[in-house]
């Protein structure tokens, strides 16, 4: 009897952790999505500037690619800094994608099952962010297989990044995939940058115009900077 009494005694409820509570809230998911998006945006700016080194010739570009693998030496081992960046980026991509998906599902569940009038279609910005995210997710996989693992780049050679970039953009499908993804990226940044500012409390009535202008300029600069490389290869400026 005493054993049964102790077994049946109700245990106190354990309070959820602050991290779990934050992640479970809509505000938390939007904050994670905004912060991870800004991390990726910072990487894209640096990545685009690095890509433009291809206009200075193969020695400059290949030297830059080698430098990326030796950053931090001798304190860090070969490629450690590069792998650290990759891990942070992977975490940002996963958190961004999961947050976006769960927020989308939460929004669908919150809608009433029946409508008196025909439901209005999703806004242009919403559709752009949704489909743009899917396109970019698929592009990341292809881009890694193309220029990192060299799996789908038939003419690629290890240790020759300049020549591998030229090989990719010497094909019609390489140009089509890359340019389509960069256009999707520009639209994604244009809408996402302003949304992130609102989520993180940076936006206000006085700053909205400046933020929207900044988003437009940033999206245009990144799109043009990335697309400049395949266009240069197609026109023979880089060969």
C-alpha atoms as a PDB file:
ATOM      1  CA  UNK A   1       0.000   0.000   0.000  1.00  0.00           C
ATOM      2  CA  UNK A   2       2.766   2.426   0.847  1.00  0.00           C
ATOM      3  CA  UNK A   3       4.482   1.662  -2.445  1.00  0.00           C
ATOM      4  CA  UNK A   4       1.272   2.252  -4.363  1.00  0.00           C
ATOM      5  CA  UNK A   5       0.750   5.562  -2.602  1.00  0.00           C
ATOM      6  CA  UNK A   6       4.216   6.768  -3.553  1.00  0.00           C
ATOM      7  CA  UNK A   7       3.751   5.619  -7.153  1.00  0.00           C
ATOM      8  CA  UNK A   8       0.359   7.302  -7.550  1.00  0.00           C
ATOM      9  CA  UNK A   9       1.580  10.577  -6.099  1.00  0.00           C
ATOM     10  CA  UNK A  10       1.442  13.274  -8.796  1.00  0.00           C
ATOM     11  CA  UNK A  11       4.816  14.593  -9.815  1.00  0.00           C
ATOM     12  CA  UNK A  12       5.210  18.375 -10.211  1.00  0.00           C
ATOM     13  CA  UNK A  13       5.103  19.606 -13.836  1.00  0.00           C
ATOM     14  CA  UNK A  14       8.477  20.569 -15.217  1.00  0.00           C
ATOM     15  CA  UNK A  15       8.537  24.047 -16.713  1.00  0.00           C
ATOM     16  CA  UNK A  16       9.739  24.230 -20.317  1.00  0.00           C
ATOM     17  CA  UNK A  17      13.124  25.848 -20.852  1.00  0.00           C
ATOM     18  CA  UNK A  18      13.396  29.439 -22.088  1.00  0.00           C
ATOM     19  CA  UNK A  19      14.899  28.199 -25.349  1.00  0.00           C
ATOM     20  CA  UNK A  20      11.998  25.840 -25.988  1.00  0.00           C
ATOM     21  CA  UNK A  21       9.445  28.494 -25.086  1.00  0.00           C
ATOM     22  CA  UNK A  22      11.136  31.021 -27.369  1.00  0.00           C
ATOM     23  CA  UNK A  23      11.350  28.582 -30.281  1.00  0.00           C
ATOM     24  CA  UNK A  24       7.749  27.510 -29.804  1.00  0.00           C
ATOM     25  CA  UNK A  25       6.401  31.042 -30.150  1.00  0.00           C
ATOM     26  CA  UNK A  26       5.639  32.753 -33.443  1.00  0.00           C
ATOM     27  CA  UNK A  27       7.775  35.725 -32.431  1.00  0.00           C
ATOM     28  CA  UNK A  28      10.669  33.392 -31.634  1.00  0.00           C
ATOM     29  CA  UNK A  29      10.495  31.641 -34.995  1.00  0.00           C
ATOM     30  CA  UNK A  30      10.327  34.972 -36.835  1.00  0.00           C
ATOM     31  CA  UNK A  31      13.337  36.230 -34.866  1.00  0.00           C
ATOM     32  CA  UNK A  32      15.353  33.091 -35.655  1.00  0.00           C
ATOM     33  CA  UNK A  33      14.359  33.386 -39.299  1.00  0.00           C
ATOM     34  CA  UNK A  34      15.400  37.055 -39.430  1.00  0.00           C
ATOM     35  CA  UNK A  35      18.721  36.523 -37.620  1.00  0.00           C
ATOM     36  CA  UNK A  36      19.692  33.489 -39.719  1.00  0.00           C
ATOM     37  CA  UNK A  37      18.732  35.405 -42.864  1.00  0.00           C
ATOM     38  CA  UNK A  38      21.050  38.272 -41.928  1.00  0.00           C
ATOM     39  CA  UNK A  39      23.908  35.818 -41.295  1.00  0.00           C
ATOM     40  CA  UNK A  40      23.438  34.401 -44.782  1.00  0.00           C
ATOM     41  CA  UNK A  41      23.152  37.901 -46.235  1.00  0.00           C
ATOM     42  CA  UNK A  42      26.501  38.870 -44.720  1.00  0.00           C
ATOM     43  CA  UNK A  43      28.071  35.774 -46.236  1.00  0.00           C
ATOM     44  CA  UNK A  44      26.565  36.554 -49.649  1.00  0.00           C
ATOM     45  CA  UNK A  45      28.098  40.034 -49.673  1.00  0.00           C
ATOM     46  CA  UNK A  46      31.567  38.618 -48.921  1.00  0.00           C
ATOM     47  CA  UNK A  47      31.061  35.748 -51.363  1.00  0.00           C
ATOM     48  CA  UNK A  48      30.030  38.094 -54.172  1.00  0.00           C
ATOM     49  CA  UNK A  49      33.062  40.327 -53.622  1.00  0.00           C
ATOM     50  CA  UNK A  50      35.298  37.254 -53.695  1.00  0.00           C
ATOM     51  CA  UNK A  51      33.696  36.065 -56.945  1.00  0.00           C
ATOM     52  CA  UNK A  52      34.544  39.370 -58.628  1.00  0.00           C
ATOM     53  CA  UNK A  53      38.246  38.562 -58.234  1.00  0.00           C
ATOM     54  CA  UNK A  54      37.806  36.341 -61.270  1.00  0.00           C
ATOM     55  CA  UNK A  55      38.065  39.504 -63.404  1.00  0.00           C
ATOM     56  CA  UNK A  56      41.703  39.897 -62.294  1.00  0.00           C
ATOM     57  CA  UNK A  57      42.793  36.603 -63.807  1.00  0.00           C
ATOM     58  CA  UNK A  58      43.346  33.002 -62.833  1.00  0.00           C
ATOM     59  CA  UNK A  59      46.330  33.632 -60.541  1.00  0.00           C
ATOM     60  CA  UNK A  60      44.378  36.183 -58.480  1.00  0.00           C
ATOM     61  CA  UNK A  61      41.255  34.021 -58.236  1.00  0.00           C
ATOM     62  CA  UNK A  62      43.058  30.767 -57.527  1.00  0.00           C
ATOM     63  CA  UNK A  63      45.209  32.543 -54.940  1.00  0.00           C
ATOM     64  CA  UNK A  64      42.071  33.827 -53.232  1.00  0.00           C
ATOM     65  CA  UNK A  65      40.590  30.325 -53.196  1.00  0.00           C
ATOM     66  CA  UNK A  66      43.797  28.974 -51.625  1.00  0.00           C
ATOM     67  CA  UNK A  67      43.795  31.776 -49.031  1.00  0.00           C
ATOM     68  CA  UNK A  68      40.300  30.760 -47.916  1.00  0.00           C
ATOM     69  CA  UNK A  69      41.742  27.389 -46.909  1.00  0.00           C
ATOM     70  CA  UNK A  70      44.700  28.808 -45.011  1.00  0.00           C
ATOM     71  CA  UNK A  71      42.930  31.542 -43.010  1.00  0.00           C
ATOM     72  CA  UNK A  72      44.053  31.452 -39.391  1.00  0.00           C
ATOM     73  CA  UNK A  73      47.242  29.463 -39.917  1.00  0.00           C
ATOM     74  CA  UNK A  74      49.329  28.514 -38.055  1.00  0.00           C
ATOM     75  CA  UNK A  75      46.937  28.881 -35.119  1.00  0.00           C
ATOM     76  CA  UNK A  76      44.220  27.036 -37.049  1.00  0.00           C
ATOM     77  CA  UNK A  77      44.844  23.922 -39.101  1.00  0.00           C
ATOM     78  CA  UNK A  78      44.385  23.874 -42.883  1.00  0.00           C
ATOM     79  CA  UNK A  79      40.719  24.504 -43.830  1.00  0.00           C
ATOM     80  CA  UNK A  80      39.532  24.743 -40.192  1.00  0.00           C
ATOM     81  CA  UNK A  81      38.325  28.323 -40.602  1.00  0.00           C
ATOM     82  CA  UNK A  82      36.576  27.396 -43.845  1.00  0.00           C
ATOM     83  CA  UNK A  83      34.809  24.481 -42.205  1.00  0.00           C
ATOM     84  CA  UNK A  84      33.772  26.700 -39.298  1.00  0.00           C
ATOM     85  CA  UNK A  85      32.124  29.070 -41.773  1.00  0.00           C
ATOM     86  CA  UNK A  86      30.441  26.122 -43.478  1.00  0.00           C
ATOM     87  CA  UNK A  87      29.024  24.808 -40.194  1.00  0.00           C
ATOM     88  CA  UNK A  88      27.647  28.245 -39.247  1.00  0.00           C
ATOM     89  CA  UNK A  89      26.118  28.642 -42.700  1.00  0.00           C
ATOM     90  CA  UNK A  90      24.586  25.171 -42.609  1.00  0.00           C
ATOM     91  CA  UNK A  91      23.022  25.928 -39.220  1.00  0.00           C
ATOM     92  CA  UNK A  92      21.695  29.242 -40.547  1.00  0.00           C
ATOM     93  CA  UNK A  93      20.208  27.605 -43.646  1.00  0.00           C
ATOM     94  CA  UNK A  94      18.539  24.830 -41.626  1.00  0.00           C
ATOM     95  CA  UNK A  95      17.138  27.211 -39.004  1.00  0.00           C
ATOM     96  CA  UNK A  96      15.926  29.600 -41.712  1.00  0.00           C
ATOM     97  CA  UNK A  97      14.218  26.846 -43.684  1.00  0.00           C
ATOM     98  CA  UNK A  98      12.634  25.122 -40.683  1.00  0.00           C
ATOM     99  CA  UNK A  99      11.374  28.439 -39.285  1.00  0.00           C
ATOM    100  CA  UNK A 100       9.870  29.397 -42.643  1.00  0.00           C
ATOM    101  CA  UNK A 101       8.162  26.024 -43.040  1.00  0.00           C
ATOM    102  CA  UNK A 102       6.737  25.935 -39.524  1.00  0.00           C
ATOM    103  CA  UNK A 103       5.500  29.527 -39.729  1.00  0.00           C
ATOM    104  CA  UNK A 104       3.818  28.724 -43.035  1.00  0.00           C
ATOM    105  CA  UNK A 105       2.112  25.647 -41.567  1.00  0.00           C
ATOM    106  CA  UNK A 106       1.083  27.607 -38.486  1.00  0.00           C
ATOM    107  CA  UNK A 107      -0.462  30.294 -40.691  1.00  0.00           C
ATOM    108  CA  UNK A 108      -2.419  27.697 -42.665  1.00  0.00           C
ATOM    109  CA  UNK A 109      -3.767  26.062 -39.489  1.00  0.00           C
ATOM    110  CA  UNK A 110      -4.816  29.443 -38.109  1.00  0.00           C
ATOM    111  CA  UNK A 111      -7.090  30.137 -41.068  1.00  0.00           C
ATOM    112  CA  UNK A 112     -10.785  29.305 -40.708  1.00  0.00           C
ATOM    113  CA  UNK A 113     -11.858  26.173 -42.570  1.00  0.00           C
ATOM    114  CA  UNK A 114     -14.668  27.919 -44.415  1.00  0.00           C
ATOM    115  CA  UNK A 115     -14.940  31.381 -45.870  1.00  0.00           C
ATOM    116  CA  UNK A 116     -18.027  33.439 -46.596  1.00  0.00           C
ATOM    117  CA  UNK A 117     -16.241  34.906 -49.606  1.00  0.00           C
ATOM    118  CA  UNK A 118     -13.577  33.385 -51.777  1.00  0.00           C
ATOM    119  CA  UNK A 119     -10.239  33.580 -49.997  1.00  0.00           C
ATOM    120  CA  UNK A 120      -7.811  36.084 -51.448  1.00  0.00           C
ATOM    121  CA  UNK A 121      -4.665  34.590 -52.906  1.00  0.00           C
ATOM    122  CA  UNK A 122      -1.349  34.995 -51.120  1.00  0.00           C
ATOM    123  CA  UNK A 123       0.397  38.294 -51.744  1.00  0.00           C
ATOM    124  CA  UNK A 124       3.116  38.673 -54.357  1.00  0.00           C
ATOM    125  CA  UNK A 125       5.748  39.055 -51.640  1.00  0.00           C
ATOM    126  CA  UNK A 126       4.589  35.881 -49.879  1.00  0.00           C
ATOM    127  CA  UNK A 127       4.644  33.827 -53.077  1.00  0.00           C
ATOM    128  CA  UNK A 128       8.052  35.234 -53.995  1.00  0.00           C
ATOM    129  CA  UNK A 129       9.549  34.335 -50.616  1.00  0.00           C
ATOM    130  CA  UNK A 130       8.013  30.856 -50.644  1.00  0.00           C
ATOM    131  CA  UNK A 131       9.002  29.793 -54.147  1.00  0.00           C
ATOM    132  CA  UNK A 132      12.246  31.734 -54.045  1.00  0.00           C
ATOM    133  CA  UNK A 133      13.258  29.817 -50.944  1.00  0.00           C
ATOM    134  CA  UNK A 134      12.551  26.486 -52.637  1.00  0.00           C
ATOM    135  CA  UNK A 135      14.515  27.488 -55.750  1.00  0.00           C
ATOM    136  CA  UNK A 136      17.463  28.651 -53.653  1.00  0.00           C
ATOM    137  CA  UNK A 137      17.428  25.481 -51.564  1.00  0.00           C
ATOM    138  CA  UNK A 138      17.669  23.334 -54.702  1.00  0.00           C
ATOM    139  CA  UNK A 139      20.331  25.644 -56.132  1.00  0.00           C
ATOM    140  CA  UNK A 140      22.530  25.314 -53.041  1.00  0.00           C
ATOM    141  CA  UNK A 141      22.591  21.538 -53.523  1.00  0.00           C
ATOM    142  CA  UNK A 142      23.496  21.896 -57.200  1.00  0.00           C
ATOM    143  CA  UNK A 143      26.094  24.600 -56.509  1.00  0.00           C
ATOM    144  CA  UNK A 144      27.885  22.414 -53.965  1.00  0.00           C
ATOM    145  CA  UNK A 145      27.869  19.429 -56.326  1.00  0.00           C
ATOM    146  CA  UNK A 146      29.125  21.661 -59.122  1.00  0.00           C
ATOM    147  CA  UNK A 147      31.944  23.747 -57.636  1.00  0.00           C
ATOM    148  CA  UNK A 148      32.708  22.167 -54.243  1.00  0.00           C
ATOM    149  CA  UNK A 149      32.562  18.399 -54.716  1.00  0.00           C
ATOM    150  CA  UNK A 150      32.895  18.765 -58.548  1.00  0.00           C
ATOM    151  CA  UNK A 151      30.420  15.893 -58.959  1.00  0.00           C
ATOM    152  CA  UNK A 152      28.337  17.379 -61.788  1.00  0.00           C
ATOM    153  CA  UNK A 153      31.085  19.506 -63.371  1.00  0.00           C
ATOM    154  CA  UNK A 154      32.370  17.244 -66.145  1.00  0.00           C
ATOM    155  CA  UNK A 155      35.441  19.356 -66.993  1.00  0.00           C
ATOM    156  CA  UNK A 156      36.413  20.266 -63.425  1.00  0.00           C
ATOM    157  CA  UNK A 157      39.846  19.644 -61.936  1.00  0.00           C
ATOM    158  CA  UNK A 158      40.733  19.724 -58.248  1.00  0.00           C
ATOM    159  CA  UNK A 159      42.776  22.733 -57.213  1.00  0.00           C
ATOM    160  CA  UNK A 160      41.806  24.867 -60.225  1.00  0.00           C
ATOM    161  CA  UNK A 161      38.758  26.928 -59.157  1.00  0.00           C
ATOM    162  CA  UNK A 162      39.149  29.560 -61.898  1.00  0.00           C
ATOM    163  CA  UNK A 163      39.090  26.943 -64.633  1.00  0.00           C
ATOM    164  CA  UNK A 164      36.182  25.141 -62.945  1.00  0.00           C
ATOM    165  CA  UNK A 165      34.072  28.307 -62.881  1.00  0.00           C
ATOM    166  CA  UNK A 166      34.781  28.869 -66.573  1.00  0.00           C
ATOM    167  CA  UNK A 167      33.853  25.239 -67.292  1.00  0.00           C
ATOM    168  CA  UNK A 168      30.507  25.618 -65.514  1.00  0.00           C
ATOM    169  CA  UNK A 169      29.513  28.802 -67.285  1.00  0.00           C
ATOM    170  CA  UNK A 170      30.609  27.479 -70.650  1.00  0.00           C
ATOM    171  CA  UNK A 171      27.473  25.296 -70.628  1.00  0.00           C
ATOM    172  CA  UNK A 172      23.926  26.501 -71.327  1.00  0.00           C
ATOM    173  CA  UNK A 173      22.470  24.624 -68.354  1.00  0.00           C
ATOM    174  CA  UNK A 174      25.067  25.993 -65.929  1.00  0.00           C
ATOM    175  CA  UNK A 175      24.216  29.544 -66.945  1.00  0.00           C
ATOM    176  CA  UNK A 176      20.461  28.901 -66.872  1.00  0.00           C
ATOM    177  CA  UNK A 177      20.494  27.365 -63.393  1.00  0.00           C
ATOM    178  CA  UNK A 178      22.799  30.005 -61.935  1.00  0.00           C
ATOM    179  CA  UNK A 179      21.119  33.090 -63.420  1.00  0.00           C
ATOM    180  CA  UNK A 180      17.631  31.835 -62.512  1.00  0.00           C
ATOM    181  CA  UNK A 181      18.754  31.244 -58.928  1.00  0.00           C
ATOM    182  CA  UNK A 182      20.395  34.672 -58.686  1.00  0.00           C
ATOM    183  CA  UNK A 183      17.212  36.397 -59.890  1.00  0.00           C
ATOM    184  CA  UNK A 184      15.280  34.460 -57.241  1.00  0.00           C
ATOM    185  CA  UNK A 185      17.920  35.484 -54.700  1.00  0.00           C
ATOM    186  CA  UNK A 186      17.485  39.168 -55.560  1.00  0.00           C
ATOM    187  CA  UNK A 187      13.724  39.017 -55.039  1.00  0.00           C
ATOM    188  CA  UNK A 188      14.191  37.019 -51.830  1.00  0.00           C
ATOM    189  CA  UNK A 189      16.610  39.614 -50.421  1.00  0.00           C
ATOM    190  CA  UNK A 190      14.390  42.510 -51.516  1.00  0.00           C
ATOM    191  CA  UNK A 191      11.441  41.256 -49.479  1.00  0.00           C
ATOM    192  CA  UNK A 192      13.372  39.455 -46.751  1.00  0.00           C
ATOM    193  CA  UNK A 193      15.667  42.319 -45.727  1.00  0.00           C
ATOM    194  CA  UNK A 194      12.765  44.644 -44.976  1.00  0.00           C
ATOM    195  CA  UNK A 195      10.818  41.896 -43.181  1.00  0.00           C
ATOM    196  CA  UNK A 196      13.847  41.053 -41.037  1.00  0.00           C
ATOM    197  CA  UNK A 197      14.223  44.712 -40.053  1.00  0.00           C
ATOM    198  CA  UNK A 198      10.586  44.807 -38.936  1.00  0.00           C
ATOM    199  CA  UNK A 199      10.930  41.560 -36.968  1.00  0.00           C
ATOM    200  CA  UNK A 200      14.072  42.734 -35.161  1.00  0.00           C
ATOM    201  CA  UNK A 201      12.490  46.088 -34.272  1.00  0.00           C
ATOM    202  CA  UNK A 202      14.668  48.210 -36.531  1.00  0.00           C
ATOM    203  CA  UNK A 203      11.806  49.377 -38.725  1.00  0.00           C
ATOM    204  CA  UNK A 204       9.596  52.343 -37.985  1.00  0.00           C
ATOM    205  CA  UNK A 205       7.371  54.735 -39.894  1.00  0.00           C
ATOM    206  CA  UNK A 206      10.277  57.149 -40.254  1.00  0.00           C
ATOM    207  CA  UNK A 207      12.740  54.470 -41.407  1.00  0.00           C
ATOM    208  CA  UNK A 208      10.529  52.366 -43.673  1.00  0.00           C
ATOM    209  CA  UNK A 209      11.343  54.270 -46.844  1.00  0.00           C
ATOM    210  CA  UNK A 210      15.093  54.142 -46.173  1.00  0.00           C
ATOM    211  CA  UNK A 211      14.907  50.419 -45.348  1.00  0.00           C
ATOM    212  CA  UNK A 212      12.978  49.622 -48.517  1.00  0.00           C
ATOM    213  CA  UNK A 213      15.460  51.622 -50.587  1.00  0.00           C
ATOM    214  CA  UNK A 214      18.363  49.821 -48.901  1.00  0.00           C
ATOM    215  CA  UNK A 215      16.706  46.471 -49.644  1.00  0.00           C
ATOM    216  CA  UNK A 216      16.280  47.389 -53.311  1.00  0.00           C
ATOM    217  CA  UNK A 217      19.879  48.593 -53.673  1.00  0.00           C
ATOM    218  CA  UNK A 218      21.309  45.576 -51.842  1.00  0.00           C
ATOM    219  CA  UNK A 219      19.230  43.118 -53.871  1.00  0.00           C
ATOM    220  CA  UNK A 220      20.198  44.790 -57.145  1.00  0.00           C
ATOM    221  CA  UNK A 221      23.908  44.972 -56.263  1.00  0.00           C
ATOM    222  CA  UNK A 222      24.107  41.312 -55.221  1.00  0.00           C
ATOM    223  CA  UNK A 223      22.127  40.083 -58.217  1.00  0.00           C
ATOM    224  CA  UNK A 224      24.242  42.097 -60.658  1.00  0.00           C
ATOM    225  CA  UNK A 225      27.493  41.104 -58.933  1.00  0.00           C
ATOM    226  CA  UNK A 226      26.739  37.387 -59.046  1.00  0.00           C
ATOM    227  CA  UNK A 227      25.344  37.390 -62.592  1.00  0.00           C
ATOM    228  CA  UNK A 228      28.353  39.364 -63.873  1.00  0.00           C
ATOM    229  CA  UNK A 229      30.516  36.236 -63.688  1.00  0.00           C
ATOM    230  CA  UNK A 230      28.499  33.924 -65.997  1.00  0.00           C
ATOM    231  CA  UNK A 231      27.847  36.855 -68.364  1.00  0.00           C
ATOM    232  CA  UNK A 232      31.606  37.533 -68.524  1.00  0.00           C
ATOM    233  CA  UNK A 233      32.303  33.894 -69.386  1.00  0.00           C
ATOM    234  CA  UNK A 234      29.552  33.825 -72.013  1.00  0.00           C
ATOM    235  CA  UNK A 235      30.874  36.975 -73.679  1.00  0.00           C
ATOM    236  CA  UNK A 236      34.499  35.875 -73.527  1.00  0.00           C
ATOM    237  CA  UNK A 237      35.617  38.566 -71.066  1.00  0.00           C
ATOM    238  CA  UNK A 238      36.669  35.749 -68.739  1.00  0.00           C
ATOM    239  CA  UNK A 239      38.085  32.674 -70.415  1.00  0.00           C
END
